[in-house]
């Protein structure tokens, strides 16, 4: 994660996101510098519009999580009702055995 944070910080400051700048930020922060991971990040970010990626991520994170989980909560309530009905039926069946 620190690599992504470093790249975002560099981008936000208006500088070019490259290997040298990422190394400087990580070193200044006291983080471990892994040249292979830095090269992979710079290669992955090549041609990426970081501002657009940030906007898209903001839209996804702004989507309410409760809307997605609401049907699941409703389903759980229905399952509990079904379980109660099954318990009541079982009890009624036992009652019939004993008259």
Protein backbone atom coordinates (compact mmCIF):
# COMPACT_ATOMS: atom_id res chain seq x y z
CA UNK A 1 0.00 0.00 0.00
CA UNK A 2 2.81 2.40 0.74
CA UNK A 3 3.76 2.32 -2.95
CA UNK A 4 0.28 3.46 -3.96
CA UNK A 5 0.28 6.16 -1.29
CA UNK A 6 3.66 7.39 -2.48
CA UNK A 7 2.47 7.50 -6.09
CA UNK A 8 -0.67 9.41 -5.10
CA UNK A 9 1.34 11.87 -3.03
CA UNK A 10 3.75 12.47 -5.88
CA UNK A 11 0.89 12.92 -8.33
CA UNK A 12 -0.96 15.29 -5.97
CA UNK A 13 2.16 17.44 -5.60
CA UNK A 14 2.33 17.81 -9.38
CA UNK A 15 5.48 15.81 -9.89
CA UNK A 16 6.06 12.92 -12.27
CA UNK A 17 5.37 9.48 -10.85
CA UNK A 18 8.62 7.67 -11.64
CA UNK A 19 10.96 5.25 -9.92
CA UNK A 20 13.29 7.91 -8.57
CA UNK A 21 10.51 9.99 -7.00
CA UNK A 22 8.84 6.95 -5.45
CA UNK A 23 12.16 5.85 -3.94
CA UNK A 24 12.67 9.33 -2.47
CA UNK A 25 9.23 9.36 -0.86
CA UNK A 26 9.58 5.85 0.57
CA UNK A 27 13.05 6.59 1.90
CA UNK A 28 11.87 9.84 3.50
CA UNK A 29 9.01 7.95 5.14
CA UNK A 30 11.35 5.27 6.45
CA UNK A 31 9.62 2.54 4.43
CA UNK A 32 11.34 -0.43 2.84
CA UNK A 33 12.35 0.19 -0.78
CA UNK A 34 11.79 -2.75 -3.13
CA UNK A 35 13.07 -1.85 -6.61
CA UNK A 36 11.14 -4.66 -8.30
CA UNK A 37 7.80 -3.53 -6.88
CA UNK A 38 8.56 0.09 -7.72
CA UNK A 39 9.33 -0.81 -11.34
CA UNK A 40 6.14 -2.85 -11.55
CA UNK A 41 4.07 0.03 -10.17
CA UNK A 42 5.56 2.58 -12.56
CA UNK A 43 4.97 0.21 -15.47
CA UNK A 44 1.38 -0.40 -14.36
CA UNK A 45 0.70 3.34 -14.07
CA UNK A 46 2.11 4.12 -17.50
CA UNK A 47 -0.67 5.59 -19.61
CA UNK A 48 -3.14 5.68 -16.69
CA UNK A 49 -5.03 8.91 -16.05
CA UNK A 50 -4.66 9.01 -12.28
CA UNK A 51 -7.24 11.78 -11.84
CA UNK A 52 -9.83 9.73 -13.74
CA UNK A 53 -8.98 6.62 -11.71
CA UNK A 54 -9.45 8.60 -8.47
CA UNK A 55 -12.85 9.89 -9.65
CA UNK A 56 -13.99 6.37 -10.58
CA UNK A 57 -12.86 5.02 -7.22
CA UNK A 58 -14.74 7.82 -5.45
CA UNK A 59 -17.94 6.93 -7.29
CA UNK A 60 -17.63 3.27 -6.34
CA UNK A 61 -16.90 4.07 -2.70
CA UNK A 62 -19.82 6.53 -2.56
CA UNK A 63 -22.30 3.78 -3.39
CA UNK A 64 -24.17 2.93 -0.22
CA UNK A 65 -23.23 -0.47 1.10
CA UNK A 66 -26.54 -0.79 2.90
CA UNK A 67 -28.47 -0.85 -0.37
CA UNK A 68 -26.55 -3.91 -1.47
CA UNK A 69 -26.99 -5.66 1.84
CA UNK A 70 -30.67 -4.79 2.34
CA UNK A 71 -32.04 -7.75 0.39
CA UNK A 72 -29.78 -10.07 2.34
CA UNK A 73 -31.15 -8.74 5.60
CA UNK A 74 -34.69 -9.26 4.32
CA UNK A 75 -33.85 -12.80 3.33
CA UNK A 76 -32.53 -13.52 6.81
CA UNK A 77 -35.79 -12.35 8.34
CA UNK A 78 -37.74 -14.63 6.03
CA UNK A 79 -35.50 -17.56 6.93
CA UNK A 80 -36.12 -16.94 10.64
CA UNK A 81 -39.88 -16.92 10.06
CA UNK A 82 -39.64 -20.20 8.15
CA UNK A 83 -37.60 -21.72 10.98
CA UNK A 84 -40.25 -20.65 13.52
CA UNK A 85 -42.97 -22.17 11.36
CA UNK A 86 -41.01 -25.42 11.12
CA UNK A 87 -40.60 -25.44 14.91
CA UNK A 88 -44.34 -24.83 15.38
CA UNK A 89 -45.21 -27.59 12.95
CA UNK A 90 -42.86 -29.97 14.70
CA UNK A 91 -44.41 -29.14 18.06
CA UNK A 92 -47.90 -29.61 16.67
CA UNK A 93 -46.86 -32.98 15.28
CA UNK A 94 -45.51 -34.07 18.66
CA UNK A 95 -48.70 -32.91 20.34
CA UNK A 96 -50.72 -35.12 18.01
CA UNK A 97 -48.70 -38.13 19.14
CA UNK A 98 -49.68 -37.62 22.76
CA UNK A 99 -53.31 -36.84 22.19
